[in-house]
Amino acid sequence: MNSKLIAPCGMNCSICLGYLREKNKCPGCRVMWEDKSISRVRCIIKNCEILKKNKLKFCSNKCNKYPCKRLRDLDKRYRTKYNMSMIDNLENIHKKGVKKFIDMQEKKYFKRGKVFCVHNKKYYDIK
């Protein structure tokens, strides 16, 4: 896994159903952010003007709106439905760095050549 698979909101795209599915596969938020021609989703967070203006890779306390309503709503939904927190992910990225965060994610979600999808709770072969 590389840092391009960690979305600005703190989502690890490599454990997302959109990224893991075969049909209508999402290339990940960073790829869509960098190349608008393949963007199928209009995410308020990845298109945030404050992130772009300040050249921030992730939502952070460098923004006076952090955590904004959209991020708080996303975090609440993921805490409730998927037992994970975008805000906790972002705090780990800021405190420990993205490389350490990726190591932690790999230990948590990658097992014996498979990756766990947080959305449907199934394992997928790593490709």
Foldseek 3Di string as FASTA:
>chain_A
DDPLQQAQLLDRNVQAPLQQDDPNRDVHLSVCLVPVVPDPDDDCRSPPPVCVVVVPRHDDVVDVCVVPPSSVVVQVVCCVQQVDGSVVSVVCCVVPNPVVSVVVQCVVAPDDQWGAHSRPRDIDGDD
